[in-house]
Amino acid sequence: MAFLEINGLKKSYGETQVLAGIDLAVEQHEVVCLIGASGSGKSTLLRCINQLETIDEGTIRLDGDVVSGEGVDVNQLRRDIGIVFQSFNLFPHMSVVDNVTLAPRKLKQATPDEAERRARELLDRIGLSARADAFPDQLSGGQQQRVAIVRALAMQPRVLLLDEITSALDPELVAEVLDIVRELARDGLTMLLATHEMSFAREVASSVCFLHQGRILEQGPPEQIFTDPTEARTKDFLQRIIEAGRL
């Protein structure tokens, strides 16, 4: 059994089916990138894994334990599976260090001193220790997104979900955020990313999944997916990406 295993996952909004039966196995320390057109189900899949959306059918397991459906301890789940969104979602009235320490203090019962020490260590790691006492609106978009990643890491998650984390950033700020993800990948953190950054996916992914109409239409190593895809839909999607100069 894989470290993170998804079987038969379905999700609809009214009569619109967004996930039409997702089967996915993610091994520990893997980086799996989800690619596909907008509306293909990438973000919904991540939100279902973290139980921000309820699922209609299917099962999600983490290290053998079922983490979907009724009766699951959602707080424990979100300690184990962190998520970072394209919009930073930092609390504007709280300093950077307070944003990072809030969840560890509330959910992991860390002492304020322990939570702050860990937060400042993480901020130092991403080059933002000098901004620890600043407020979000005093930071650039790239800095805010790096803080959002650190906030998730402060919970010491076993899996990190990243949902289009660079799509809201100006192009010149994208690289500083992707550098953090590269470092996390080198450190062996298990990650599942929805991304439009194809070159980045090709570089860091252990496996790439192409989603189309709520299904994983094709999955394989980055080189195979990006240079020799087997499905016509995958080929069409990548051709449009190439024509747009993004691969």
C-alpha atoms as a PDB file:
ATOM      1  CA  MET A   1       0.000   0.000   0.000  1.00  0.00           C
ATOM      2  CA  ALA A   2       1.249   3.472  -0.926  1.00  0.00           C
ATOM      3  CA  PHE A   3       1.922   6.153   1.693  1.00  0.00           C
ATOM      4  CA  LEU A   4      -0.962   8.290   0.341  1.00  0.00           C
ATOM      5  CA  GLU A   5      -3.559   6.259  -1.520  1.00  0.00           C
ATOM      6  CA  ILE A   6      -6.698   7.527  -3.229  1.00  0.00           C
ATOM      7  CA  ASN A   7      -9.256   5.083  -4.602  1.00  0.00           C
ATOM      8  CA  GLY A   8     -12.378   5.814  -6.629  1.00  0.00           C
ATOM      9  CA  LEU A   9     -12.644   9.442  -5.549  1.00  0.00           C
ATOM     10  CA  LYS A  10     -15.701  11.241  -6.912  1.00  0.00           C
ATOM     11  CA  LYS A  11     -16.964  14.753  -6.287  1.00  0.00           C
ATOM     12  CA  SER A  12     -19.870  16.645  -7.802  1.00  0.00           C
ATOM     13  CA  TYR A  13     -21.348  20.092  -7.309  1.00  0.00           C
ATOM     14  CA  GLY A  14     -25.023  19.664  -8.078  1.00  0.00           C
ATOM     15  CA  GLU A  15     -25.205  17.934 -11.430  1.00  0.00           C
ATOM     16  CA  THR A  16     -21.657  18.908 -12.389  1.00  0.00           C
ATOM     17  CA  GLN A  17     -19.185  16.108 -11.781  1.00  0.00           C
ATOM     18  CA  VAL A  18     -15.739  17.550 -11.046  1.00  0.00           C
ATOM     19  CA  LEU A  19     -13.907  14.362 -10.040  1.00  0.00           C
ATOM     20  CA  ALA A  20     -15.062  11.295 -11.934  1.00  0.00           C
ATOM     21  CA  GLY A  21     -13.147   8.513 -10.198  1.00  0.00           C
ATOM     22  CA  ILE A  22      -9.589   9.368  -9.165  1.00  0.00           C
ATOM     23  CA  ASP A  23      -7.141   6.576  -8.351  1.00  0.00           C
ATOM     24  CA  LEU A  24      -3.711   7.758  -7.235  1.00  0.00           C
ATOM     25  CA  ALA A  25      -0.866   6.288  -5.207  1.00  0.00           C
ATOM     26  CA  VAL A  26       1.870   8.547  -3.807  1.00  0.00           C
ATOM     27  CA  GLU A  27       4.884   6.954  -2.163  1.00  0.00           C
ATOM     28  CA  GLN A  28       6.647   8.566   0.768  1.00  0.00           C
ATOM     29  CA  HIS A  29       9.182  11.232  -0.305  1.00  0.00           C
ATOM     30  CA  GLU A  30       7.639  11.454  -3.790  1.00  0.00           C
ATOM     31  CA  VAL A  31       6.750  14.734  -5.494  1.00  0.00           C
ATOM     32  CA  VAL A  32       3.689  14.264  -7.703  1.00  0.00           C
ATOM     33  CA  CYS A  33       2.686  17.113 -10.008  1.00  0.00           C
ATOM     34  CA  LEU A  34      -0.877  17.505 -11.266  1.00  0.00           C
ATOM     35  CA  ILE A  35      -1.163  19.210 -14.636  1.00  0.00           C
ATOM     36  CA  GLY A  36      -4.112  19.920 -16.903  1.00  0.00           C
ATOM     37  CA  ALA A  37      -6.366  22.691 -18.103  1.00  0.00           C
ATOM     38  CA  SER A  38      -8.298  24.893 -15.706  1.00  0.00           C
ATOM     39  CA  GLY A  39     -11.405  23.048 -14.576  1.00  0.00           C
ATOM     40  CA  SER A  40      -9.857  19.596 -14.910  1.00  0.00           C
ATOM     41  CA  GLY A  41     -10.195  18.934 -11.167  1.00  0.00           C
ATOM     42  CA  LYS A  42      -6.680  19.573  -9.818  1.00  0.00           C
ATOM     43  CA  SER A  43      -7.615  22.001  -7.049  1.00  0.00           C
ATOM     44  CA  THR A  44     -10.735  20.081  -6.083  1.00  0.00           C
ATOM     45  CA  LEU A  45      -8.669  16.927  -5.680  1.00  0.00           C
ATOM     46  CA  LEU A  46      -6.284  18.677  -3.289  1.00  0.00           C
ATOM     47  CA  ARG A  47      -9.146  20.176  -1.297  1.00  0.00           C
ATOM     48  CA  CYS A  48     -10.793  16.773  -0.986  1.00  0.00           C
ATOM     49  CA  ILE A  49      -7.588  15.207   0.314  1.00  0.00           C
ATOM     50  CA  ASN A  50      -7.439  17.864   3.041  1.00  0.00           C
ATOM     51  CA  GLN A  51     -11.199  17.547   3.705  1.00  0.00           C
ATOM     52  CA  LEU A  52     -11.859  21.136   2.773  1.00  0.00           C
ATOM     53  CA  GLU A  53     -14.399  19.535   0.444  1.00  0.00           C
ATOM     54  CA  THR A  54     -16.466  16.481   1.310  1.00  0.00           C
ATOM     55  CA  ILE A  55     -16.174  13.586  -1.110  1.00  0.00           C
ATOM     56  CA  ASP A  56     -19.142  11.790  -2.630  1.00  0.00           C
ATOM     57  CA  GLU A  57     -17.502   8.412  -3.154  1.00  0.00           C
ATOM     58  CA  GLY A  58     -14.118   6.809  -2.635  1.00  0.00           C
ATOM     59  CA  THR A  59     -11.495   6.416   0.040  1.00  0.00           C
ATOM     60  CA  ILE A  60      -8.318   8.261   0.999  1.00  0.00           C
ATOM     61  CA  ARG A  61      -5.681   6.544   3.123  1.00  0.00           C
ATOM     62  CA  LEU A  62      -2.541   7.966   4.702  1.00  0.00           C
ATOM     63  CA  ASP A  63       0.042   5.404   5.773  1.00  0.00           C
ATOM     64  CA  GLY A  64      -2.686   2.754   5.824  1.00  0.00           C
ATOM     65  CA  ASP A  65      -5.200   4.742   7.877  1.00  0.00           C
ATOM     66  CA  VAL A  66      -8.470   5.953   6.349  1.00  0.00           C
ATOM     67  CA  VAL A  67      -8.553   9.762   6.446  1.00  0.00           C
ATOM     68  CA  SER A  68     -11.788  10.348   4.535  1.00  0.00           C
ATOM     69  CA  GLY A  69     -15.464  10.110   5.378  1.00  0.00           C
ATOM     70  CA  GLU A  70     -17.347  10.541   8.615  1.00  0.00           C
ATOM     71  CA  GLY A  71     -15.640  10.136  11.946  1.00  0.00           C
ATOM     72  CA  VAL A  72     -12.213  11.343  10.811  1.00  0.00           C
ATOM     73  CA  ASP A  73     -10.439  13.724  13.180  1.00  0.00           C
ATOM     74  CA  VAL A  74     -10.132  16.690  10.827  1.00  0.00           C
ATOM     75  CA  ASN A  75      -7.723  18.550  13.115  1.00  0.00           C
ATOM     76  CA  GLN A  76      -5.386  15.547  13.165  1.00  0.00           C
ATOM     77  CA  LEU A  77      -5.725  15.153   9.411  1.00  0.00           C
ATOM     78  CA  ARG A  78      -4.679  18.757   8.844  1.00  0.00           C
ATOM     79  CA  ARG A  79      -1.691  18.321  11.117  1.00  0.00           C
ATOM     80  CA  ASP A  80      -0.587  15.434   8.901  1.00  0.00           C
ATOM     81  CA  ILE A  81      -1.568  16.930   5.546  1.00  0.00           C
ATOM     82  CA  GLY A  82      -0.824  20.622   5.090  1.00  0.00           C
ATOM     83  CA  ILE A  83      -2.069  22.760   2.218  1.00  0.00           C
ATOM     84  CA  VAL A  84      -0.924  26.036   0.649  1.00  0.00           C
ATOM     85  CA  PHE A  85      -3.171  27.994  -1.707  1.00  0.00           C
ATOM     86  CA  GLN A  86      -2.581  30.387  -4.595  1.00  0.00           C
ATOM     87  CA  SER A  87      -4.005  33.204  -2.446  1.00  0.00           C
ATOM     88  CA  PHE A  88      -1.758  33.515   0.573  1.00  0.00           C
ATOM     89  CA  ASN A  89      -4.570  33.623   3.168  1.00  0.00           C
ATOM     90  CA  LEU A  90      -2.361  35.210   5.819  1.00  0.00           C
ATOM     91  CA  PHE A  91      -4.133  36.995   8.657  1.00  0.00           C
ATOM     92  CA  PRO A  92      -3.547  40.684   7.871  1.00  0.00           C
ATOM     93  CA  HIS A  93      -3.853  41.845  11.489  1.00  0.00           C
ATOM     94  CA  MET A  94      -1.143  39.440  12.714  1.00  0.00           C
ATOM     95  CA  SER A  95       2.616  39.639  12.311  1.00  0.00           C
ATOM     96  CA  VAL A  96       4.474  37.071  10.230  1.00  0.00           C
ATOM     97  CA  VAL A  97       5.663  35.157  13.280  1.00  0.00           C
ATOM     98  CA  ASP A  98       2.169  35.172  14.787  1.00  0.00           C
ATOM     99  CA  ASN A  99       0.716  33.828  11.534  1.00  0.00           C
ATOM    100  CA  VAL A 100       3.225  30.968  11.607  1.00  0.00           C
ATOM    101  CA  THR A 101       2.806  30.112  15.294  1.00  0.00           C
ATOM    102  CA  LEU A 102      -0.997  30.261  15.493  1.00  0.00           C
ATOM    103  CA  ALA A 103      -1.775  26.708  14.363  1.00  0.00           C
ATOM    104  CA  PRO A 104       1.028  24.967  16.302  1.00  0.00           C
ATOM    105  CA  ARG A 105      -0.157  26.706  19.471  1.00  0.00           C
ATOM    106  CA  LYS A 106      -3.838  25.966  18.874  1.00  0.00           C
ATOM    107  CA  LEU A 107      -3.722  22.501  17.320  1.00  0.00           C
ATOM    108  CA  LYS A 108      -0.476  20.905  18.463  1.00  0.00           C
ATOM    109  CA  GLN A 109      -0.481  22.359  21.945  1.00  0.00           C
ATOM    110  CA  ALA A 110       3.035  23.713  21.511  1.00  0.00           C
ATOM    111  CA  THR A 111       4.086  26.257  24.099  1.00  0.00           C
ATOM    112  CA  PRO A 112       4.394  29.821  22.831  1.00  0.00           C
ATOM    113  CA  ASP A 113       8.179  29.652  23.248  1.00  0.00           C
ATOM    114  CA  GLU A 114       8.439  26.356  21.344  1.00  0.00           C
ATOM    115  CA  ALA A 115       6.191  27.585  18.545  1.00  0.00           C
ATOM    116  CA  GLU A 116       8.085  30.858  18.183  1.00  0.00           C
ATOM    117  CA  ARG A 117      11.491  29.167  18.169  1.00  0.00           C
ATOM    118  CA  ARG A 118      10.363  26.805  15.420  1.00  0.00           C
ATOM    119  CA  ALA A 119       8.784  29.650  13.440  1.00  0.00           C
ATOM    120  CA  ARG A 120      11.900  31.793  13.566  1.00  0.00           C
ATOM    121  CA  GLU A 121      14.064  28.834  12.531  1.00  0.00           C
ATOM    122  CA  LEU A 122      11.849  28.252   9.507  1.00  0.00           C
ATOM    123  CA  LEU A 123      11.759  31.946   8.599  1.00  0.00           C
ATOM    124  CA  ASP A 124      15.537  32.059   8.809  1.00  0.00           C
ATOM    125  CA  ARG A 125      15.706  29.047   6.499  1.00  0.00           C
ATOM    126  CA  ILE A 126      13.780  30.914   3.781  1.00  0.00           C
ATOM    127  CA  GLY A 127      15.631  34.175   4.281  1.00  0.00           C
ATOM    128  CA  LEU A 128      12.843  36.067   6.036  1.00  0.00           C
ATOM    129  CA  SER A 129      14.028  36.145   9.642  1.00  0.00           C
ATOM    130  CA  ALA A 130      14.374  39.934   9.433  1.00  0.00           C
ATOM    131  CA  ARG A 131      10.687  40.195   8.485  1.00  0.00           C
ATOM    132  CA  ALA A 132       9.354  38.050  11.339  1.00  0.00           C
ATOM    133  CA  ASP A 133       7.679  40.979  13.084  1.00  0.00           C
ATOM    134  CA  ALA A 134       6.366  42.615   9.913  1.00  0.00           C
ATOM    135  CA  PHE A 135       2.732  42.433   8.810  1.00  0.00           C
ATOM    136  CA  PRO A 136       1.648  40.746   5.568  1.00  0.00           C
ATOM    137  CA  ASP A 137       0.885  44.002   3.743  1.00  0.00           C
ATOM    138  CA  GLN A 138       4.512  45.048   4.336  1.00  0.00           C
ATOM    139  CA  LEU A 139       5.752  42.065   2.300  1.00  0.00           C
ATOM    140  CA  SER A 140       5.956  41.384  -1.418  1.00  0.00           C
ATOM    141  CA  GLY A 141       3.701  38.730  -2.916  1.00  0.00           C
ATOM    142  CA  GLY A 142       6.606  36.310  -3.127  1.00  0.00           C
ATOM    143  CA  GLN A 143       7.486  36.893   0.505  1.00  0.00           C
ATOM    144  CA  GLN A 144       3.867  36.370   1.555  1.00  0.00           C
ATOM    145  CA  GLN A 145       3.703  33.075  -0.315  1.00  0.00           C
ATOM    146  CA  ARG A 146       6.945  31.913   1.296  1.00  0.00           C
ATOM    147  CA  VAL A 147       5.439  32.737   4.691  1.00  0.00           C
ATOM    148  CA  ALA A 148       2.324  30.745   3.741  1.00  0.00           C
ATOM    149  CA  ILE A 149       4.545  27.738   2.975  1.00  0.00           C
ATOM    150  CA  VAL A 150       6.377  28.158   6.280  1.00  0.00           C
ATOM    151  CA  ARG A 151       3.050  28.368   8.099  1.00  0.00           C
ATOM    152  CA  ALA A 152       2.161  24.942   6.676  1.00  0.00           C
ATOM    153  CA  LEU A 153       5.614  23.544   7.494  1.00  0.00           C
ATOM    154  CA  ALA A 154       5.341  24.727  11.097  1.00  0.00           C
ATOM    155  CA  MET A 155       2.833  21.907  11.646  1.00  0.00           C
ATOM    156  CA  GLN A 156       5.495  19.411  10.504  1.00  0.00           C
ATOM    157  CA  PRO A 157       3.134  17.762   8.019  1.00  0.00           C
ATOM    158  CA  ARG A 158       3.724  14.304   6.605  1.00  0.00           C
ATOM    159  CA  VAL A 159       2.324  15.441   3.243  1.00  0.00           C
ATOM    160  CA  LEU A 160       2.218  18.943   1.763  1.00  0.00           C
ATOM    161  CA  LEU A 161      -0.373  19.933  -0.848  1.00  0.00           C
ATOM    162  CA  LEU A 162       0.425  22.950  -3.029  1.00  0.00           C
ATOM    163  CA  ASP A 163      -2.383  24.447  -5.089  1.00  0.00           C
ATOM    164  CA  GLU A 164      -1.119  26.678  -7.916  1.00  0.00           C
ATOM    165  CA  ILE A 165       1.049  28.542  -5.430  1.00  0.00           C
ATOM    166  CA  THR A 166       2.702  30.769  -8.045  1.00  0.00           C
ATOM    167  CA  SER A 167      -0.337  31.705 -10.135  1.00  0.00           C
ATOM    168  CA  ALA A 168      -1.089  34.886  -8.180  1.00  0.00           C
ATOM    169  CA  LEU A 169       2.507  36.132  -8.322  1.00  0.00           C
ATOM    170  CA  ASP A 170       4.254  38.489 -10.700  1.00  0.00           C
ATOM    171  CA  PRO A 171       6.690  36.548 -12.917  1.00  0.00           C
ATOM    172  CA  GLU A 172       9.772  37.940 -11.192  1.00  0.00           C
ATOM    173  CA  LEU A 173       8.540  36.618  -7.823  1.00  0.00           C
ATOM    174  CA  VAL A 174       7.841  33.069  -9.000  1.00  0.00           C
ATOM    175  CA  ALA A 175      11.454  31.886  -8.794  1.00  0.00           C
ATOM    176  CA  GLU A 176      11.882  32.682  -5.094  1.00  0.00           C
ATOM    177  CA  VAL A 177       8.823  30.575  -4.223  1.00  0.00           C
ATOM    178  CA  LEU A 178       9.830  27.673  -6.451  1.00  0.00           C
ATOM    179  CA  ASP A 179      13.276  27.651  -4.831  1.00  0.00           C
ATOM    180  CA  ILE A 180      11.606  26.811  -1.509  1.00  0.00           C
ATOM    181  CA  VAL A 181       9.711  23.921  -3.090  1.00  0.00           C
ATOM    182  CA  ARG A 182      12.918  22.621  -4.680  1.00  0.00           C
ATOM    183  CA  GLU A 183      14.569  22.589  -1.266  1.00  0.00           C
ATOM    184  CA  LEU A 184      11.627  20.757   0.296  1.00  0.00           C
ATOM    185  CA  ALA A 185      11.785  18.176  -2.495  1.00  0.00           C
ATOM    186  CA  ARG A 186      15.501  17.673  -1.851  1.00  0.00           C
ATOM    187  CA  ASP A 187      14.720  17.203   1.846  1.00  0.00           C
ATOM    188  CA  GLY A 188      12.327  14.366   0.960  1.00  0.00           C
ATOM    189  CA  LEU A 189       8.997  15.929   1.939  1.00  0.00           C
ATOM    190  CA  THR A 190       6.100  14.101   0.293  1.00  0.00           C
ATOM    191  CA  MET A 191       4.301  16.643  -1.891  1.00  0.00           C
ATOM    192  CA  LEU A 192       1.364  16.803  -4.260  1.00  0.00           C
ATOM    193  CA  LEU A 193       1.350  19.913  -6.461  1.00  0.00           C
ATOM    194  CA  ALA A 194      -1.183  21.370  -8.855  1.00  0.00           C
ATOM    195  CA  THR A 195       0.831  23.620 -11.144  1.00  0.00           C
ATOM    196  CA  HIS A 196       0.956  25.419 -14.481  1.00  0.00           C
ATOM    197  CA  GLU A 197       4.746  25.732 -14.208  1.00  0.00           C
ATOM    198  CA  MET A 198       5.582  22.928 -16.644  1.00  0.00           C
ATOM    199  CA  SER A 199       9.345  23.353 -16.647  1.00  0.00           C
ATOM    200  CA  PHE A 200       9.324  23.244 -12.870  1.00  0.00           C
ATOM    201  CA  ALA A 201       7.136  20.120 -12.844  1.00  0.00           C
ATOM    202  CA  ARG A 202       9.534  18.472 -15.275  1.00  0.00           C
ATOM    203  CA  GLU A 203      12.442  19.311 -12.984  1.00  0.00           C
ATOM    204  CA  VAL A 204      11.162  18.350  -9.527  1.00  0.00           C
ATOM    205  CA  ALA A 205       8.443  15.742 -10.027  1.00  0.00           C
ATOM    206  CA  SER A 206       8.872  12.050  -9.353  1.00  0.00           C
ATOM    207  CA  SER A 207       5.649  11.532 -11.294  1.00  0.00           C
ATOM    208  CA  VAL A 208       3.326  13.716 -13.367  1.00  0.00           C
ATOM    209  CA  CYS A 209      -0.447  13.216 -13.662  1.00  0.00           C
ATOM    210  CA  PHE A 210      -2.413  14.775 -16.509  1.00  0.00           C
ATOM    211  CA  LEU A 211      -6.012  15.432 -15.458  1.00  0.00           C
ATOM    212  CA  HIS A 212      -8.838  15.795 -17.942  1.00  0.00           C
ATOM    213  CA  GLN A 213     -12.532  16.077 -17.100  1.00  0.00           C
ATOM    214  CA  GLY A 214     -12.042  14.897 -13.544  1.00  0.00           C
ATOM    215  CA  ARG A 215      -9.930  11.849 -14.332  1.00  0.00           C
ATOM    216  CA  ILE A 216      -6.222  11.090 -14.369  1.00  0.00           C
ATOM    217  CA  LEU A 217      -5.946  10.459 -18.085  1.00  0.00           C
ATOM    218  CA  GLU A 218      -2.212   9.759 -18.063  1.00  0.00           C
ATOM    219  CA  GLN A 219       0.495   9.334 -15.433  1.00  0.00           C
ATOM    220  CA  GLY A 220       4.203   8.681 -15.680  1.00  0.00           C
ATOM    221  CA  PRO A 221       7.745   9.983 -15.146  1.00  0.00           C
ATOM    222  CA  PRO A 222       8.229  13.622 -16.198  1.00  0.00           C
ATOM    223  CA  GLU A 223      10.383  12.811 -19.211  1.00  0.00           C
ATOM    224  CA  GLN A 224       7.824  10.378 -20.559  1.00  0.00           C
ATOM    225  CA  ILE A 225       4.860  12.700 -20.036  1.00  0.00           C
ATOM    226  CA  PHE A 226       6.563  15.771 -21.462  1.00  0.00           C
ATOM    227  CA  THR A 227       8.429  14.167 -24.376  1.00  0.00           C
ATOM    228  CA  ASP A 228       6.408  11.092 -25.324  1.00  0.00           C
ATOM    229  CA  PRO A 229       2.828  11.239 -23.983  1.00  0.00           C
ATOM    230  CA  THR A 230       0.547   8.459 -25.160  1.00  0.00           C
ATOM    231  CA  GLU A 231      -2.863  10.148 -24.913  1.00  0.00           C
ATOM    232  CA  ALA A 232      -4.063  12.533 -27.616  1.00  0.00           C
ATOM    233  CA  ARG A 233      -5.506  14.935 -25.019  1.00  0.00           C
ATOM    234  CA  THR A 234      -2.141  15.098 -23.239  1.00  0.00           C
ATOM    235  CA  LYS A 235      -0.377  15.817 -26.523  1.00  0.00           C
ATOM    236  CA  ASP A 236      -2.841  18.598 -27.382  1.00  0.00           C
ATOM    237  CA  PHE A 237      -2.487  20.192 -23.944  1.00  0.00           C
ATOM    238  CA  LEU A 238       1.317  20.147 -24.045  1.00  0.00           C
ATOM    239  CA  GLN A 239       1.366  21.481 -27.600  1.00  0.00           C
ATOM    240  CA  ARG A 240      -0.624  24.506 -26.440  1.00  0.00           C
ATOM    241  CA  ILE A 241       1.806  24.959 -23.544  1.00  0.00           C
ATOM    242  CA  ILE A 242       4.774  24.834 -25.939  1.00  0.00           C
ATOM    243  CA  GLU A 243       3.135  27.332 -28.294  1.00  0.00           C
ATOM    244  CA  ALA A 244       2.623  29.662 -25.331  1.00  0.00           C
ATOM    245  CA  GLY A 245       6.350  29.413 -24.541  1.00  0.00           C
ATOM    246  CA  ARG A 246       5.840  27.804 -21.153  1.00  0.00           C
ATOM    247  CA  LEU A 247       7.738  24.558 -21.720  1.00  0.00           C
END
